[in-house]
Amino acid sequence: MQLIITILPYAQIILSVILVSAILLQQSGAGLGGALGGSDSDSFHHTRRGFEKFLFYLSIVCGILFALSAFLTIILKVKS
């Protein structure tokens, strides 16, 4: 149990760096018109392919793992 408490903060740091970089590397689907409330008919439907799809799934998995590790940290601090 002590090993998990020791390793968990480092795992959270690594997960957070991966999560932030995966989110920042994704392309934004909204142009300037979409950001200001206008409609942009070009980017109405966009299919993710290749590396963009990988980054999308990586950000979802890292977000879930980060949330689970945060809850595990809370549970372990309450028990000890």
PDB file of N, CA and C in Angstrom:
ATOM      1  N   MET A   1       0.830  -1.195   0.000  1.00  0.00           N
ATOM      2  CA  MET A   1       0.000   0.000   0.000  1.00  0.00           C
ATOM      3  C   MET A   1       0.870   1.252   0.000  1.00  0.00           C
ATOM      4  N   GLN A   2       1.965   1.222   0.729  1.00  0.00           N
ATOM      5  CA  GLN A   2       2.864   2.373   0.786  1.00  0.00           C
ATOM      6  C   GLN A   2       3.494   2.646  -0.572  1.00  0.00           C
ATOM      7  N   LEU A   3       3.733   1.600  -1.356  1.00  0.00           N
ATOM      8  CA  LEU A   3       4.300   1.774  -2.691  1.00  0.00           C
ATOM      9  C   LEU A   3       3.339   2.541  -3.598  1.00  0.00           C
ATOM     10  N   ILE A   4       2.054   2.245  -3.507  1.00  0.00           N
ATOM     11  CA  ILE A   4       1.058   2.946  -4.319  1.00  0.00           C
ATOM     12  C   ILE A   4       0.994   4.415  -3.913  1.00  0.00           C
ATOM     13  N   ILE A   5       1.033   4.681  -2.616  1.00  0.00           N
ATOM     14  CA  ILE A   5       0.994   6.069  -2.140  1.00  0.00           C
ATOM     15  C   ILE A   5       2.229   6.830  -2.606  1.00  0.00           C
ATOM     16  N   THR A   6       3.362   6.149  -2.717  1.00  0.00           N
ATOM     17  CA  THR A   6       4.594   6.789  -3.165  1.00  0.00           C
ATOM     18  C   THR A   6       4.581   7.056  -4.668  1.00  0.00           C
ATOM     19  N   ILE A   7       4.067   6.125  -5.454  1.00  0.00           N
ATOM     20  CA  ILE A   7       4.112   6.226  -6.909  1.00  0.00           C
ATOM     21  C   ILE A   7       2.991   7.093  -7.477  1.00  0.00           C
ATOM     22  N   LEU A   8       1.861   7.174  -6.820  1.00  0.00           N
ATOM     23  CA  LEU A   8       0.677   7.838  -7.350  1.00  0.00           C
ATOM     24  C   LEU A   8       0.879   9.309  -7.733  1.00  0.00           C
ATOM     25  N   PRO A   9       1.570  10.140  -6.955  1.00  0.00           N
ATOM     26  CA  PRO A   9       1.768  11.535  -7.397  1.00  0.00           C
ATOM     27  C   PRO A   9       2.573  11.647  -8.695  1.00  0.00           C
ATOM     28  N   TYR A  10       3.569  10.782  -8.859  1.00  0.00           N
ATOM     29  CA  TYR A  10       4.357  10.803 -10.090  1.00  0.00           C
ATOM     30  C   TYR A  10       3.523  10.349 -11.283  1.00  0.00           C
ATOM     31  N   ALA A  11       2.674   9.367 -11.068  1.00  0.00           N
ATOM     32  CA  ALA A  11       1.781   8.914 -12.136  1.00  0.00           C
ATOM     33  C   ALA A  11       0.805  10.017 -12.529  1.00  0.00           C
ATOM     34  N   GLN A  12       0.316  10.782 -11.553  1.00  0.00           N
ATOM     35  CA  GLN A  12      -0.589  11.891 -11.860  1.00  0.00           C
ATOM     36  C   GLN A  12       0.117  12.992 -12.643  1.00  0.00           C
ATOM     37  N   ILE A  13       1.361  13.258 -12.334  1.00  0.00           N
ATOM     38  CA  ILE A  13       2.112  14.269 -13.079  1.00  0.00           C
ATOM     39  C   ILE A  13       2.307  13.826 -14.521  1.00  0.00           C
ATOM     40  N   ILE A  14       2.681  12.574 -14.709  1.00  0.00           N
ATOM     41  CA  ILE A  14       2.881  12.054 -16.062  1.00  0.00           C
ATOM     42  C   ILE A  14       1.568  12.066 -16.841  1.00  0.00           C
ATOM     43  N   LEU A  15       0.487  11.625 -16.209  1.00  0.00           N
ATOM     44  CA  LEU A  15      -0.814  11.636 -16.883  1.00  0.00           C
ATOM     45  C   LEU A  15      -1.260  13.051 -17.236  1.00  0.00           C
ATOM     46  N   SER A  16      -1.011  14.002 -16.349  1.00  0.00           N
ATOM     47  CA  SER A  16      -1.436  15.376 -16.635  1.00  0.00           C
ATOM     48  C   SER A  16      -0.653  15.977 -17.792  1.00  0.00           C
ATOM     49  N   VAL A  17       0.641  15.685 -17.880  1.00  0.00           N
ATOM     50  CA  VAL A  17       1.449  16.198 -18.992  1.00  0.00           C
ATOM     51  C   VAL A  17       0.982  15.580 -20.313  1.00  0.00           C
ATOM     52  N   ILE A  18       0.709  14.283 -20.310  1.00  0.00           N
ATOM     53  CA  ILE A  18       0.218  13.619 -21.525  1.00  0.00           C
ATOM     54  C   ILE A  18      -1.149  14.168 -21.913  1.00  0.00           C
ATOM     55  N   LEU A  19      -2.014  14.379 -20.931  1.00  0.00           N
ATOM     56  CA  LEU A  19      -3.356  14.884 -21.202  1.00  0.00           C
ATOM     57  C   LEU A  19      -3.327  16.296 -21.781  1.00  0.00           C
ATOM     58  N   VAL A  20      -2.536  17.171 -21.189  1.00  0.00           N
ATOM     59  CA  VAL A  20      -2.448  18.546 -21.685  1.00  0.00           C
ATOM     60  C   VAL A  20      -1.858  18.578 -23.087  1.00  0.00           C
ATOM     61  N   SER A  21      -0.809  17.801 -23.332  1.00  0.00           N
ATOM     62  CA  SER A  21      -0.204  17.809 -24.664  1.00  0.00           C
ATOM     63  C   SER A  21      -1.134  17.196 -25.708  1.00  0.00           C
ATOM     64  N   ALA A  22      -1.893  16.156 -25.345  1.00  0.00           N
ATOM     65  CA  ALA A  22      -2.840  15.557 -26.295  1.00  0.00           C
ATOM     66  C   ALA A  22      -3.961  16.531 -26.629  1.00  0.00           C
ATOM     67  N   ILE A  23      -4.413  17.301 -25.661  1.00  0.00           N
ATOM     68  CA  ILE A  23      -5.476  18.277 -25.923  1.00  0.00           C
ATOM     69  C   ILE A  23      -4.945  19.435 -26.770  1.00  0.00           C
ATOM     70  N   LEU A  24      -3.756  19.905 -26.478  1.00  0.00           N
ATOM     71  CA  LEU A  24      -3.210  21.030 -27.223  1.00  0.00           C
ATOM     72  C   LEU A  24      -2.842  20.671 -28.654  1.00  0.00           C
ATOM     73  N   LEU A  25      -2.524  19.409 -28.920  1.00  0.00           N
ATOM     74  CA  LEU A  25      -2.164  18.990 -30.273  1.00  0.00           C
ATOM     75  C   LEU A  25      -3.376  18.761 -31.171  1.00  0.00           C
ATOM     76  N   GLN A  26      -4.566  18.684 -30.592  1.00  0.00           N
ATOM     77  CA  GLN A  26      -5.755  18.477 -31.409  1.00  0.00           C
ATOM     78  C   GLN A  26      -6.093  19.736 -32.177  1.00  0.00           C
ATOM     79  N   GLN A  27      -6.626  19.537 -33.374  1.00  0.00           N
ATOM     80  CA  GLN A  27      -7.032  20.682 -34.194  1.00  0.00           C
ATOM     81  C   GLN A  27      -8.390  21.164 -33.746  1.00  0.00           C
ATOM     82  N   SER A  28      -8.564  22.462 -33.800  1.00  0.00           N
ATOM     83  CA  SER A  28      -9.850  23.038 -33.443  1.00  0.00           C
ATOM     84  C   SER A  28     -10.756  23.014 -34.668  1.00  0.00           C
ATOM     85  N   GLY A  29     -11.998  22.564 -34.486  1.00  0.00           N
ATOM     86  CA  GLY A  29     -12.933  22.494 -35.592  1.00  0.00           C
ATOM     87  C   GLY A  29     -13.638  23.804 -35.853  1.00  0.00           C
ATOM     88  N   ALA A  30     -13.588  24.734 -34.930  1.00  0.00           N
ATOM     89  CA  ALA A  30     -14.291  26.004 -35.086  1.00  0.00           C
ATOM     90  C   ALA A  30     -13.345  27.055 -35.638  1.00  0.00           C
ATOM     91  N   GLY A  31     -13.786  27.728 -36.659  1.00  0.00           N
ATOM     92  CA  GLY A  31     -13.016  28.825 -37.216  1.00  0.00           C
ATOM     93  C   GLY A  31     -13.319  30.103 -36.460  1.00  0.00           C
ATOM     94  N   LEU A  32     -12.923  31.229 -37.023  1.00  0.00           N
ATOM     95  CA  LEU A  32     -13.160  32.507 -36.369  1.00  0.00           C
ATOM     96  C   LEU A  32     -14.648  32.828 -36.334  1.00  0.00           C
ATOM     97  N   GLY A  33     -15.366  32.460 -37.381  1.00  0.00           N
ATOM     98  CA  GLY A  33     -16.811  32.708 -37.403  1.00  0.00           C
ATOM     99  C   GLY A  33     -17.536  31.885 -36.363  1.00  0.00           C
ATOM    100  N   GLY A  34     -17.143  30.651 -36.176  1.00  0.00           N
ATOM    101  CA  GLY A  34     -17.764  29.805 -35.160  1.00  0.00           C
ATOM    102  C   GLY A  34     -17.435  30.246 -33.759  1.00  0.00           C
ATOM    103  N   ALA A  35     -16.252  30.818 -33.572  1.00  0.00           N
ATOM    104  CA  ALA A  35     -15.850  31.270 -32.245  1.00  0.00           C
ATOM    105  C   ALA A  35     -16.615  32.530 -31.834  1.00  0.00           C
ATOM    106  N   LEU A  36     -17.016  33.334 -32.818  1.00  0.00           N
ATOM    107  CA  LEU A  36     -17.710  34.577 -32.516  1.00  0.00           C
ATOM    108  C   LEU A  36     -19.226  34.444 -32.614  1.00  0.00           C
ATOM    109  N   GLY A  37     -19.724  33.247 -32.778  1.00  0.00           N
ATOM    110  CA  GLY A  37     -21.161  33.038 -32.785  1.00  0.00           C
ATOM    111  C   GLY A  37     -21.757  32.879 -34.160  1.00  0.00           C
ATOM    112  N   GLY A  38     -20.979  33.085 -35.200  1.00  0.00           N
ATOM    113  CA  GLY A  38     -21.472  32.901 -36.556  1.00  0.00           C
ATOM    114  C   GLY A  38     -21.439  31.440 -36.948  1.00  0.00           C
ATOM    115  N   SER A  39     -21.986  31.136 -38.106  1.00  0.00           N
ATOM    116  CA  SER A  39     -21.963  29.742 -38.551  1.00  0.00           C
ATOM    117  C   SER A  39     -20.878  29.574 -39.597  1.00  0.00           C
ATOM    118  N   ASP A  40     -20.189  28.495 -39.514  1.00  0.00           N
ATOM    119  CA  ASP A  40     -19.128  28.169 -40.452  1.00  0.00           C
ATOM    120  C   ASP A  40     -19.535  26.888 -41.153  1.00  0.00           C
ATOM    121  N   SER A  41     -20.040  26.976 -42.367  1.00  0.00           N
ATOM    122  CA  SER A  41     -20.604  25.805 -43.038  1.00  0.00           C
ATOM    123  C   SER A  41     -19.532  24.804 -43.445  1.00  0.00           C
ATOM    124  N   ASP A  42     -18.271  25.228 -43.544  1.00  0.00           N
ATOM    125  CA  ASP A  42     -17.217  24.309 -43.943  1.00  0.00           C
ATOM    126  C   ASP A  42     -16.949  23.252 -42.881  1.00  0.00           C
ATOM    127  N   SER A  43     -16.978  23.624 -41.622  1.00  0.00           N
ATOM    128  CA  SER A  43     -16.594  22.704 -40.554  1.00  0.00           C
ATOM    129  C   SER A  43     -17.812  22.130 -39.825  1.00  0.00           C
ATOM    130  N   PHE A  44     -18.909  21.947 -40.537  1.00  0.00           N
ATOM    131  CA  PHE A  44     -20.104  21.408 -39.892  1.00  0.00           C
ATOM    132  C   PHE A  44     -19.905  19.947 -39.500  1.00  0.00           C
ATOM    133  N   HIS A  45     -19.321  19.165 -40.382  1.00  0.00           N
ATOM    134  CA  HIS A  45     -19.085  17.754 -40.083  1.00  0.00           C
ATOM    135  C   HIS A  45     -17.625  17.438 -40.358  1.00  0.00           C
ATOM    136  N   HIS A  46     -16.963  16.873 -39.363  1.00  0.00           N
ATOM    137  CA  HIS A  46     -15.539  16.571 -39.489  1.00  0.00           C
ATOM    138  C   HIS A  46     -15.293  15.175 -38.952  1.00  0.00           C
ATOM    139  N   THR A  47     -14.696  14.327 -39.767  1.00  0.00           N
ATOM    140  CA  THR A  47     -14.379  12.962 -39.354  1.00  0.00           C
ATOM    141  C   THR A  47     -12.922  12.904 -38.917  1.00  0.00           C
ATOM    142  N   ARG A  48     -12.707  12.370 -37.746  1.00  0.00           N
ATOM    143  CA  ARG A  48     -11.336  12.227 -37.255  1.00  0.00           C
ATOM    144  C   ARG A  48     -10.714  10.995 -37.893  1.00  0.00           C
ATOM    145  N   ARG A  49      -9.481  11.166 -38.361  1.00  0.00           N
ATOM    146  CA  ARG A  49      -8.768  10.049 -38.983  1.00  0.00           C
ATOM    147  C   ARG A  49      -7.323  10.072 -38.542  1.00  0.00           C
ATOM    148  N   GLY A  50      -6.730   8.906 -38.481  1.00  0.00           N
ATOM    149  CA  GLY A  50      -5.301   8.786 -38.238  1.00  0.00           C
ATOM    150  C   GLY A  50      -4.867   9.284 -36.873  1.00  0.00           C
ATOM    151  N   PHE A  51      -3.868  10.169 -36.899  1.00  0.00           N
ATOM    152  CA  PHE A  51      -3.268  10.661 -35.670  1.00  0.00           C
ATOM    153  C   PHE A  51      -4.241  11.506 -34.862  1.00  0.00           C
ATOM    154  N   GLU A  52      -5.130  12.221 -35.538  1.00  0.00           N
ATOM    155  CA  GLU A  52      -6.117  13.037 -34.836  1.00  0.00           C
ATOM    156  C   GLU A  52      -7.080  12.161 -34.033  1.00  0.00           C
ATOM    157  N   LYS A  53      -7.456  11.020 -34.599  1.00  0.00           N
ATOM    158  CA  LYS A  53      -8.324  10.077 -33.885  1.00  0.00           C
ATOM    159  C   LYS A  53      -7.592   9.474 -32.689  1.00  0.00           C
ATOM    160  N   PHE A  54      -6.304   9.168 -32.875  1.00  0.00           N
ATOM    161  CA  PHE A  54      -5.490   8.635 -31.787  1.00  0.00           C
ATOM    162  C   PHE A  54      -5.395   9.649 -30.638  1.00  0.00           C
ATOM    163  N   LEU A  55      -5.168  10.929 -30.963  1.00  0.00           N
ATOM    164  CA  LEU A  55      -5.082  11.959 -29.931  1.00  0.00           C
ATOM    165  C   LEU A  55      -6.408  12.125 -29.201  1.00  0.00           C
ATOM    166  N   PHE A  56      -7.509  12.008 -29.934  1.00  0.00           N
ATOM    167  CA  PHE A  56      -8.832  12.123 -29.331  1.00  0.00           C
ATOM    168  C   PHE A  56      -9.056  11.010 -28.306  1.00  0.00           C
ATOM    169  N   TYR A  57      -8.779   9.777 -28.683  1.00  0.00           N
ATOM    170  CA  TYR A  57      -8.953   8.660 -27.754  1.00  0.00           C
ATOM    171  C   TYR A  57      -7.933   8.697 -26.617  1.00  0.00           C
ATOM    172  N   LEU A  58      -6.720   9.146 -26.915  1.00  0.00           N
ATOM    173  CA  LEU A  58      -5.698   9.263 -25.870  1.00  0.00           C
ATOM    174  C   LEU A  58      -6.108  10.279 -24.810  1.00  0.00           C
ATOM    175  N   SER A  59      -6.703  11.382 -25.238  1.00  0.00           N
ATOM    176  CA  SER A  59      -7.129  12.388 -24.267  1.00  0.00           C
ATOM    177  C   SER A  59      -8.283  11.870 -23.404  1.00  0.00           C
ATOM    178  N   ILE A  60      -9.175  11.081 -23.979  1.00  0.00           N
ATOM    179  CA  ILE A  60     -10.269  10.500 -23.195  1.00  0.00           C
ATOM    180  C   ILE A  60      -9.729   9.507 -22.167  1.00  0.00           C
ATOM    181  N   VAL A  61      -8.844   8.625 -22.607  1.00  0.00           N
ATOM    182  CA  VAL A  61      -8.282   7.606 -21.702  1.00  0.00           C
ATOM    183  C   VAL A  61      -7.453   8.261 -20.604  1.00  0.00           C
ATOM    184  N   CYS A  62      -6.632   9.245 -20.947  1.00  0.00           N
ATOM    185  CA  CYS A  62      -5.813   9.921 -19.931  1.00  0.00           C
ATOM    186  C   CYS A  62      -6.673  10.704 -18.954  1.00  0.00           C
ATOM    187  N   GLY A  63      -7.752  11.299 -19.428  1.00  0.00           N
ATOM    188  CA  GLY A  63      -8.661  12.013 -18.530  1.00  0.00           C
ATOM    189  C   GLY A  63      -9.325  11.082 -17.535  1.00  0.00           C
ATOM    190  N   ILE A  64      -9.754   9.920 -18.012  1.00  0.00           N
ATOM    191  CA  ILE A  64     -10.380   8.936 -17.118  1.00  0.00           C
ATOM    192  C   ILE A  64      -9.371   8.401 -16.119  1.00  0.00           C
ATOM    193  N   LEU A  65      -8.164   8.071 -16.588  1.00  0.00           N
ATOM    194  CA  LEU A  65      -7.129   7.558 -15.683  1.00  0.00           C
ATOM    195  C   LEU A  65      -6.712   8.610 -14.653  1.00  0.00           C
ATOM    196  N   PHE A  66      -6.647   9.873 -15.076  1.00  0.00           N
ATOM    197  CA  PHE A  66      -6.290  10.936 -14.139  1.00  0.00           C
ATOM    198  C   PHE A  66      -7.361  11.100 -13.068  1.00  0.00           C
ATOM    199  N   ALA A  67      -8.622  11.054 -13.472  1.00  0.00           N
ATOM    200  CA  ALA A  67      -9.714  11.180 -12.500  1.00  0.00           C
ATOM    201  C   ALA A  67      -9.713  10.001 -11.532  1.00  0.00           C
ATOM    202  N   LEU A  68      -9.497   8.798 -12.041  1.00  0.00           N
ATOM    203  CA  LEU A  68      -9.452   7.619 -11.168  1.00  0.00           C
ATOM    204  C   LEU A  68      -8.283   7.688 -10.193  1.00  0.00           C
ATOM    205  N   SER A  69      -7.135   8.163 -10.668  1.00  0.00           N
ATOM    206  CA  SER A  69      -5.987   8.276  -9.761  1.00  0.00           C
ATOM    207  C   SER A  69      -6.221   9.351  -8.706  1.00  0.00           C
ATOM    208  N   ALA A  70      -6.939  10.412  -9.061  1.00  0.00           N
ATOM    209  CA  ALA A  70      -7.260  11.444  -8.072  1.00  0.00           C
ATOM    210  C   ALA A  70      -8.203  10.897  -7.005  1.00  0.00           C
ATOM    211  N   PHE A  71      -9.224  10.138  -7.425  1.00  0.00           N
ATOM    212  CA  PHE A  71     -10.133   9.518  -6.455  1.00  0.00           C
ATOM    213  C   PHE A  71      -9.410   8.500  -5.584  1.00  0.00           C
ATOM    214  N   LEU A  72      -8.479   7.749  -6.172  1.00  0.00           N
ATOM    215  CA  LEU A  72      -7.707   6.779  -5.406  1.00  0.00           C
ATOM    216  C   LEU A  72      -6.835   7.490  -4.373  1.00  0.00           C
ATOM    217  N   THR A  73      -6.279   8.623  -4.735  1.00  0.00           N
ATOM    218  CA  THR A  73      -5.473   9.407  -3.793  1.00  0.00           C
ATOM    219  C   THR A  73      -6.319   9.864  -2.613  1.00  0.00           C
ATOM    220  N   ILE A  74      -7.529  10.338  -2.907  1.00  0.00           N
ATOM    221  CA  ILE A  74      -8.427  10.789  -1.836  1.00  0.00           C
ATOM    222  C   ILE A  74      -8.780   9.637  -0.916  1.00  0.00           C
ATOM    223  N   ILE A  75      -9.105   8.488  -1.494  1.00  0.00           N
ATOM    224  CA  ILE A  75      -9.489   7.310  -0.685  1.00  0.00           C
ATOM    225  C   ILE A  75      -8.320   6.853   0.184  1.00  0.00           C
ATOM    226  N   LEU A  76      -7.120   6.834  -0.378  1.00  0.00           N
ATOM    227  CA  LEU A  76      -5.967   6.374   0.395  1.00  0.00           C
ATOM    228  C   LEU A  76      -5.589   7.360   1.497  1.00  0.00           C
ATOM    229  N   LYS A  77      -5.793   8.658   1.267  1.00  0.00           N
ATOM    230  CA  LYS A  77      -5.481   9.643   2.318  1.00  0.00           C
ATOM    231  C   LYS A  77      -6.488   9.575   3.448  1.00  0.00           C
ATOM    232  N   VAL A  78      -7.742   9.242   3.143  1.00  0.00           N
ATOM    233  CA  VAL A  78      -8.749   9.129   4.186  1.00  0.00           C
ATOM    234  C   VAL A  78      -8.481   7.895   5.061  1.00  0.00           C
ATOM    235  N   LYS A  79      -8.059   6.804   4.418  1.00  0.00           N
ATOM    236  CA  LYS A  79      -7.806   5.569   5.171  1.00  0.00           C
ATOM    237  C   LYS A  79      -6.585   5.671   6.077  1.00  0.00           C
ATOM    238  N   SER A  80      -5.586   6.460   5.671  1.00  0.00           N
ATOM    239  CA  SER A  80      -4.361   6.503   6.491  1.00  0.00           C
ATOM    240  C   SER A  80      -4.338   7.649   7.468  1.00  0.00           C
TER     241      SER A  80
END
